[in-house]
Amino acid sequence: MLDFLAALQDQEWVVHRETRLGNVVINERTDKLTFDGTSIEVLTAGVFEVVDGKITFWRDYCDMQALKEQMSGT
């Protein structure tokens, strides 16, 4: 993952929907990322667990095939 992020030049997270139940936050968003001059947009769902105002556990779910296709330019 660190190699993947090392090439990251710019990012923006556009949150479309968000909900919370207790200490769990779920959001639906578009991750806009630029790697080595290539911009991609990935629809993502994120699940966060928050304790004392800090994220203690974070999981993201996205269409990896769409991500790979954008990264390769196909």
PDB file of N, CA and C in Angstrom:
ATOM      1  N   MET A   1       0.816  -1.192   0.000  1.00  0.00           N
ATOM      2  CA  MET A   1       0.000   0.000   0.000  1.00  0.00           C
ATOM      3  C   MET A   1       0.865   1.264   0.000  1.00  0.00           C
ATOM      4  N   LEU A   2       1.992   1.209   0.690  1.00  0.00           N
ATOM      5  CA  LEU A   2       2.862   2.384   0.736  1.00  0.00           C
ATOM      6  C   LEU A   2       3.438   2.710  -0.635  1.00  0.00           C
ATOM      7  N   ASP A   3       3.761   1.685  -1.434  1.00  0.00           N
ATOM      8  CA  ASP A   3       4.244   1.929  -2.786  1.00  0.00           C
ATOM      9  C   ASP A   3       3.163   2.599  -3.628  1.00  0.00           C
ATOM     10  N   PHE A   4       1.932   2.145  -3.460  1.00  0.00           N
ATOM     11  CA  PHE A   4       0.788   2.710  -4.180  1.00  0.00           C
ATOM     12  C   PHE A   4       0.629   4.185  -3.830  1.00  0.00           C
ATOM     13  N   LEU A   5       0.708   4.502  -2.554  1.00  0.00           N
ATOM     14  CA  LEU A   5       0.516   5.879  -2.098  1.00  0.00           C
ATOM     15  C   LEU A   5       1.728   6.772  -2.366  1.00  0.00           C
ATOM     16  N   ALA A   6       2.902   6.197  -2.540  1.00  0.00           N
ATOM     17  CA  ALA A   6       4.107   6.995  -2.767  1.00  0.00           C
ATOM     18  C   ALA A   6       4.000   7.830  -4.043  1.00  0.00           C
ATOM     19  N   ALA A   7       3.278   7.315  -5.047  1.00  0.00           N
ATOM     20  CA  ALA A   7       3.135   8.029  -6.322  1.00  0.00           C
ATOM     21  C   ALA A   7       1.991   9.041  -6.297  1.00  0.00           C
ATOM     22  N   LEU A   8       1.259   9.120  -5.203  1.00  0.00           N
ATOM     23  CA  LEU A   8       0.101  10.018  -5.101  1.00  0.00           C
ATOM     24  C   LEU A   8       0.552  11.476  -5.116  1.00  0.00           C
ATOM     25  N   GLN A   9       0.014  12.253  -6.065  1.00  0.00           N
ATOM     26  CA  GLN A   9       0.364  13.665  -6.182  1.00  0.00           C
ATOM     27  C   GLN A   9      -0.722  14.573  -5.639  1.00  0.00           C
ATOM     28  N   ASP A  10      -1.986  14.155  -5.770  1.00  0.00           N
ATOM     29  CA  ASP A  10      -3.101  14.987  -5.331  1.00  0.00           C
ATOM     30  C   ASP A  10      -4.292  14.086  -5.030  1.00  0.00           C
ATOM     31  N   GLN A  11      -5.173  14.556  -4.142  1.00  0.00           N
ATOM     32  CA  GLN A  11      -6.366  13.780  -3.813  1.00  0.00           C
ATOM     33  C   GLN A  11      -7.490  14.703  -3.378  1.00  0.00           C
ATOM     34  N   GLU A  12      -8.696  14.223  -3.615  1.00  0.00           N
ATOM     35  CA  GLU A  12      -9.902  14.903  -3.144  1.00  0.00           C
ATOM     36  C   GLU A  12     -10.928  13.820  -2.852  1.00  0.00           C
ATOM     37  N   TRP A  13     -11.630  13.951  -1.741  1.00  0.00           N
ATOM     38  CA  TRP A  13     -12.667  12.998  -1.377  1.00  0.00           C
ATOM     39  C   TRP A  13     -13.996  13.732  -1.377  1.00  0.00           C
ATOM     40  N   VAL A  14     -14.873  13.348  -2.295  1.00  0.00           N
ATOM     41  CA  VAL A  14     -16.186  13.975  -2.410  1.00  0.00           C
ATOM     42  C   VAL A  14     -17.204  13.035  -1.768  1.00  0.00           C
ATOM     43  N   VAL A  15     -17.720  13.427  -0.603  1.00  0.00           N
ATOM     44  CA  VAL A  15     -18.674  12.584   0.129  1.00  0.00           C
ATOM     45  C   VAL A  15     -20.082  12.870  -0.388  1.00  0.00           C
ATOM     46  N   HIS A  16     -20.763  11.805  -0.809  1.00  0.00           N
ATOM     47  CA  HIS A  16     -22.126  11.922  -1.336  1.00  0.00           C
ATOM     48  C   HIS A  16     -23.173  11.645  -0.255  1.00  0.00           C
ATOM     49  N   ARG A  17     -22.899  10.664   0.573  1.00  0.00           N
ATOM     50  CA  ARG A  17     -23.812  10.296   1.659  1.00  0.00           C
ATOM     51  C   ARG A  17     -22.988   9.831   2.855  1.00  0.00           C
ATOM     52  N   GLU A  18     -23.537  10.099   4.059  1.00  0.00           N
ATOM     53  CA  GLU A  18     -22.840   9.662   5.268  1.00  0.00           C
ATOM     54  C   GLU A  18     -23.872   9.395   6.356  1.00  0.00           C
ATOM     55  N   THR A  19     -23.611   8.343   7.118  1.00  0.00           N
ATOM     56  CA  THR A  19     -24.490   8.029   8.230  1.00  0.00           C
ATOM     57  C   THR A  19     -23.641   7.522   9.389  1.00  0.00           C
ATOM     58  N   ARG A  20     -24.236   7.549  10.568  1.00  0.00           N
ATOM     59  CA  ARG A  20     -23.506   7.126  11.762  1.00  0.00           C
ATOM     60  C   ARG A  20     -24.431   6.315  12.649  1.00  0.00           C
ATOM     61  N   LEU A  21     -23.899   5.285  13.247  1.00  0.00           N
ATOM     62  CA  LEU A  21     -24.602   4.492  14.245  1.00  0.00           C
ATOM     63  C   LEU A  21     -23.605   4.216  15.367  1.00  0.00           C
ATOM     64  N   GLY A  22     -23.806   4.875  16.495  1.00  0.00           N
ATOM     65  CA  GLY A  22     -22.849   4.742  17.596  1.00  0.00           C
ATOM     66  C   GLY A  22     -21.501   5.285  17.168  1.00  0.00           C
ATOM     67  N   ASN A  23     -20.464   4.461  17.294  1.00  0.00           N
ATOM     68  CA  ASN A  23     -19.124   4.916  16.931  1.00  0.00           C
ATOM     69  C   ASN A  23     -18.715   4.488  15.520  1.00  0.00           C
ATOM     70  N   VAL A  24     -19.692   4.005  14.719  1.00  0.00           N
ATOM     71  CA  VAL A  24     -19.402   3.577  13.352  1.00  0.00           C
ATOM     72  C   VAL A  24     -19.953   4.607  12.368  1.00  0.00           C
ATOM     73  N   VAL A  25     -19.097   5.065  11.460  1.00  0.00           N
ATOM     74  CA  VAL A  25     -19.474   6.026  10.424  1.00  0.00           C
ATOM     75  C   VAL A  25     -19.311   5.333   9.072  1.00  0.00           C
ATOM     76  N   ILE A  26     -20.317   5.471   8.216  1.00  0.00           N
ATOM     77  CA  ILE A  26     -20.262   4.905   6.869  1.00  0.00           C
ATOM     78  C   ILE A  26     -20.472   6.043   5.883  1.00  0.00           C
ATOM     79  N   ASN A  27     -19.596   6.115   4.885  1.00  0.00           N
ATOM     80  CA  ASN A  27     -19.825   7.120   3.856  1.00  0.00           C
ATOM     81  C   ASN A  27     -19.666   6.524   2.469  1.00  0.00           C
ATOM     82  N   GLU A  28     -20.382   7.150   1.526  1.00  0.00           N
ATOM     83  CA  GLU A  28     -20.285   6.813   0.112  1.00  0.00           C
ATOM     84  C   GLU A  28     -19.657   8.032  -0.540  1.00  0.00           C
ATOM     85  N   ARG A  29     -18.588   7.815  -1.299  1.00  0.00           N
ATOM     86  CA  ARG A  29     -17.854   8.962  -1.809  1.00  0.00           C
ATOM     87  C   ARG A  29     -17.167   8.627  -3.133  1.00  0.00           C
ATOM     88  N   THR A  30     -16.683   9.668  -3.773  1.00  0.00           N
ATOM     89  CA  THR A  30     -15.823   9.518  -4.942  1.00  0.00           C
ATOM     90  C   THR A  30     -14.433   9.965  -4.537  1.00  0.00           C
ATOM     91  N   ASP A  31     -13.477   9.080  -4.681  1.00  0.00           N
ATOM     92  CA  ASP A  31     -12.077   9.415  -4.417  1.00  0.00           C
ATOM     93  C   ASP A  31     -11.463   9.876  -5.729  1.00  0.00           C
ATOM     94  N   LYS A  32     -11.012  11.117  -5.768  1.00  0.00           N
ATOM     95  CA  LYS A  32     -10.352  11.663  -6.949  1.00  0.00           C
ATOM     96  C   LYS A  32      -8.859  11.709  -6.647  1.00  0.00           C
ATOM     97  N   LEU A  33      -8.086  10.948  -7.401  1.00  0.00           N
ATOM     98  CA  LEU A  33      -6.667  10.777  -7.122  1.00  0.00           C
ATOM     99  C   LEU A  33      -5.844  11.070  -8.365  1.00  0.00           C
ATOM    100  N   THR A  34      -4.653  11.615  -8.162  1.00  0.00           N
ATOM    101  CA  THR A  34      -3.723  11.834  -9.264  1.00  0.00           C
ATOM    102  C   THR A  34      -2.412  11.135  -8.930  1.00  0.00           C
ATOM    103  N   PHE A  35      -2.026  10.207  -9.814  1.00  0.00           N
ATOM    104  CA  PHE A  35      -0.781   9.454  -9.690  1.00  0.00           C
ATOM    105  C   PHE A  35       0.059   9.703 -10.931  1.00  0.00           C
ATOM    106  N   ASP A  36       1.275  10.175 -10.755  1.00  0.00           N
ATOM    107  CA  ASP A  36       2.194  10.357 -11.881  1.00  0.00           C
ATOM    108  C   ASP A  36       1.514  11.051 -13.059  1.00  0.00           C
ATOM    109  N   GLY A  37       0.696  12.075 -12.775  1.00  0.00           N
ATOM    110  CA  GLY A  37       0.039  12.841 -13.820  1.00  0.00           C
ATOM    111  C   GLY A  37      -1.254  12.245 -14.350  1.00  0.00           C
ATOM    112  N   THR A  38      -1.636  11.065 -13.878  1.00  0.00           N
ATOM    113  CA  THR A  38      -2.871  10.410 -14.313  1.00  0.00           C
ATOM    114  C   THR A  38      -3.944  10.601 -13.245  1.00  0.00           C
ATOM    115  N   SER A  39      -5.066  11.208 -13.634  1.00  0.00           N
ATOM    116  CA  SER A  39      -6.172  11.426 -12.700  1.00  0.00           C
ATOM    117  C   SER A  39      -7.197  10.314 -12.846  1.00  0.00           C
ATOM    118  N   ILE A  40      -7.670   9.822 -11.705  1.00  0.00           N
ATOM    119  CA  ILE A  40      -8.688   8.773 -11.700  1.00  0.00           C
ATOM    120  C   ILE A  40      -9.775   9.151 -10.703  1.00  0.00           C
ATOM    121  N   GLU A  41     -10.957   8.572 -10.889  1.00  0.00           N
ATOM    122  CA  GLU A  41     -12.062   8.733  -9.950  1.00  0.00           C
ATOM    123  C   GLU A  41     -12.605   7.360  -9.611  1.00  0.00           C
ATOM    124  N   VAL A  42     -12.720   7.069  -8.326  1.00  0.00           N
ATOM    125  CA  VAL A  42     -13.145   5.754  -7.877  1.00  0.00           C
ATOM    126  C   VAL A  42     -14.310   5.901  -6.913  1.00  0.00           C
ATOM    127  N   LEU A  43     -15.438   5.252  -7.235  1.00  0.00           N
ATOM    128  CA  LEU A  43     -16.555   5.215  -6.291  1.00  0.00           C
ATOM    129  C   LEU A  43     -16.160   4.308  -5.135  1.00  0.00           C
ATOM    130  N   THR A  44     -16.318   4.811  -3.916  1.00  0.00           N
ATOM    131  CA  THR A  44     -15.823   4.113  -2.729  1.00  0.00           C
ATOM    132  C   THR A  44     -16.845   4.182  -1.608  1.00  0.00           C
ATOM    133  N   ALA A  45     -16.915   3.110  -0.817  1.00  0.00           N
ATOM    134  CA  ALA A  45     -17.675   3.117   0.425  1.00  0.00           C
ATOM    135  C   ALA A  45     -16.664   2.952   1.555  1.00  0.00           C
ATOM    136  N   GLY A  46     -16.752   3.802   2.568  1.00  0.00           N
ATOM    137  CA  GLY A  46     -15.831   3.742   3.686  1.00  0.00           C
ATOM    138  C   GLY A  46     -16.567   3.454   4.981  1.00  0.00           C
ATOM    139  N   VAL A  47     -15.956   2.630   5.822  1.00  0.00           N
ATOM    140  CA  VAL A  47     -16.503   2.316   7.140  1.00  0.00           C
ATOM    141  C   VAL A  47     -15.423   2.659   8.161  1.00  0.00           C
ATOM    142  N   PHE A  48     -15.780   3.524   9.102  1.00  0.00           N
ATOM    143  CA  PHE A  48     -14.823   4.008  10.099  1.00  0.00           C
ATOM    144  C   PHE A  48     -15.362   3.737  11.495  1.00  0.00           C
ATOM    145  N   GLU A  49     -14.487   3.348  12.389  1.00  0.00           N
ATOM    146  CA  GLU A  49     -14.841   3.274  13.802  1.00  0.00           C
ATOM    147  C   GLU A  49     -14.095   4.403  14.505  1.00  0.00           C
ATOM    148  N   VAL A  50     -14.831   5.181  15.292  1.00  0.00           N
ATOM    149  CA  VAL A  50     -14.288   6.383  15.923  1.00  0.00           C
ATOM    150  C   VAL A  50     -14.379   6.251  17.440  1.00  0.00           C
ATOM    151  N   VAL A  51     -13.277   6.513  18.115  1.00  0.00           N
ATOM    152  CA  VAL A  51     -13.226   6.501  19.582  1.00  0.00           C
ATOM    153  C   VAL A  51     -12.547   7.795  20.023  1.00  0.00           C
ATOM    154  N   ASP A  52     -13.202   8.532  20.899  1.00  0.00           N
ATOM    155  CA  ASP A  52     -12.659   9.798  21.408  1.00  0.00           C
ATOM    156  C   ASP A  52     -12.250  10.749  20.283  1.00  0.00           C
ATOM    157  N   GLY A  53     -13.063  10.796  19.212  1.00  0.00           N
ATOM    158  CA  GLY A  53     -12.819  11.714  18.113  1.00  0.00           C
ATOM    159  C   GLY A  53     -11.722  11.297  17.143  1.00  0.00           C
ATOM    160  N   LYS A  54     -11.187  10.074  17.311  1.00  0.00           N
ATOM    161  CA  LYS A  54     -10.124   9.599  16.429  1.00  0.00           C
ATOM    162  C   LYS A  54     -10.560   8.317  15.725  1.00  0.00           C
ATOM    163  N   ILE A  55     -10.192   8.200  14.454  1.00  0.00           N
ATOM    164  CA  ILE A  55     -10.482   6.975  13.714  1.00  0.00           C
ATOM    165  C   ILE A  55      -9.575   5.875  14.243  1.00  0.00           C
ATOM    166  N   THR A  56     -10.183   4.777  14.718  1.00  0.00           N
ATOM    167  CA  THR A  56      -9.410   3.659  15.258  1.00  0.00           C
ATOM    168  C   THR A  56      -9.370   2.469  14.311  1.00  0.00           C
ATOM    169  N   PHE A  57     -10.310   2.436  13.339  1.00  0.00           N
ATOM    170  CA  PHE A  57     -10.337   1.362  12.360  1.00  0.00           C
ATOM    171  C   PHE A  57     -10.983   1.895  11.097  1.00  0.00           C
ATOM    172  N   TRP A  58     -10.380   1.623   9.926  1.00  0.00           N
ATOM    173  CA  TRP A  58     -10.848   2.201   8.666  1.00  0.00           C
ATOM    174  C   TRP A  58     -10.803   1.126   7.588  1.00  0.00           C
ATOM    175  N   ARG A  59     -11.941   0.943   6.916  1.00  0.00           N
ATOM    176  CA  ARG A  59     -12.019   0.003   5.809  1.00  0.00           C
ATOM    177  C   ARG A  59     -12.643   0.725   4.610  1.00  0.00           C
ATOM    178  N   ASP A  60     -12.092   0.533   3.427  1.00  0.00           N
ATOM    179  CA  ASP A  60     -12.649   1.079   2.199  1.00  0.00           C
ATOM    180  C   ASP A  60     -12.999  -0.067   1.263  1.00  0.00           C
ATOM    181  N   TYR A  61     -14.086   0.126   0.528  1.00  0.00           N
ATOM    182  CA  TYR A  61     -14.537  -0.861  -0.444  1.00  0.00           C
ATOM    183  C   TYR A  61     -14.749  -0.148  -1.771  1.00  0.00           C
ATOM    184  N   CYS A  62     -14.143  -0.675  -2.840  1.00  0.00           N
ATOM    185  CA  CYS A  62     -14.305  -0.069  -4.156  1.00  0.00           C
ATOM    186  C   CYS A  62     -14.210  -1.160  -5.214  1.00  0.00           C
ATOM    187  N   ASP A  63     -14.517  -0.783  -6.434  1.00  0.00           N
ATOM    188  CA  ASP A  63     -14.423  -1.683  -7.572  1.00  0.00           C
ATOM    189  C   ASP A  63     -12.964  -1.695  -8.035  1.00  0.00           C
ATOM    190  N   MET A  64     -12.224  -2.701  -7.625  1.00  0.00           N
ATOM    191  CA  MET A  64     -10.798  -2.756  -7.946  1.00  0.00           C
ATOM    192  C   MET A  64     -10.556  -2.874  -9.447  1.00  0.00           C
ATOM    193  N   GLN A  65     -11.466  -3.518 -10.186  1.00  0.00           N
ATOM    194  CA  GLN A  65     -11.281  -3.624 -11.629  1.00  0.00           C
ATOM    195  C   GLN A  65     -11.346  -2.237 -12.278  1.00  0.00           C
ATOM    196  N   ALA A  66     -12.306  -1.421 -11.851  1.00  0.00           N
ATOM    197  CA  ALA A  66     -12.409  -0.053 -12.382  1.00  0.00           C
ATOM    198  C   ALA A  66     -11.157   0.746 -12.026  1.00  0.00           C
ATOM    199  N   LEU A  67     -10.645   0.572 -10.832  1.00  0.00           N
ATOM    200  CA  LEU A  67      -9.422   1.256 -10.415  1.00  0.00           C
ATOM    201  C   LEU A  67      -8.240   0.833 -11.290  1.00  0.00           C
ATOM    202  N   LYS A  68      -8.081  -0.468 -11.491  1.00  0.00           N
ATOM    203  CA  LYS A  68      -6.974  -0.980 -12.315  1.00  0.00           C
ATOM    204  C   LYS A  68      -7.077  -0.473 -13.746  1.00  0.00           C
ATOM    205  N   GLU A  69      -8.292  -0.447 -14.293  1.00  0.00           N
ATOM    206  CA  GLU A  69      -8.466   0.017 -15.668  1.00  0.00           C
ATOM    207  C   GLU A  69      -8.081   1.488 -15.804  1.00  0.00           C
ATOM    208  N   GLN A  70      -8.466   2.302 -14.843  1.00  0.00           N
ATOM    209  CA  GLN A  70      -8.113   3.720 -14.902  1.00  0.00           C
ATOM    210  C   GLN A  70      -6.607   3.921 -14.725  1.00  0.00           C
ATOM    211  N   MET A  71      -6.013   3.143 -13.838  1.00  0.00           N
ATOM    212  CA  MET A  71      -4.571   3.267 -13.600  1.00  0.00           C
ATOM    213  C   MET A  71      -3.770   2.871 -14.838  1.00  0.00           C
ATOM    214  N   SER A  72      -4.297   1.909 -15.604  1.00  0.00           N
ATOM    215  CA  SER A  72      -3.571   1.442 -16.788  1.00  0.00           C
ATOM    216  C   SER A  72      -3.938   2.241 -18.035  1.00  0.00           C
ATOM    217  N   GLY A  73      -4.979   3.101 -17.931  1.00  0.00           N
ATOM    218  CA  GLY A  73      -5.390   3.920 -19.062  1.00  0.00           C
ATOM    219  C   GLY A  73      -6.308   3.225 -20.034  1.00  0.00           C
ATOM    220  N   THR A  74      -6.874   2.077 -19.631  1.00  0.00           N
ATOM    221  CA  THR A  74      -7.800   1.361 -20.542  1.00  0.00           C
ATOM    222  C   THR A  74      -9.234   1.725 -20.274  1.00  0.00           C
TER     223      THR A  74
END
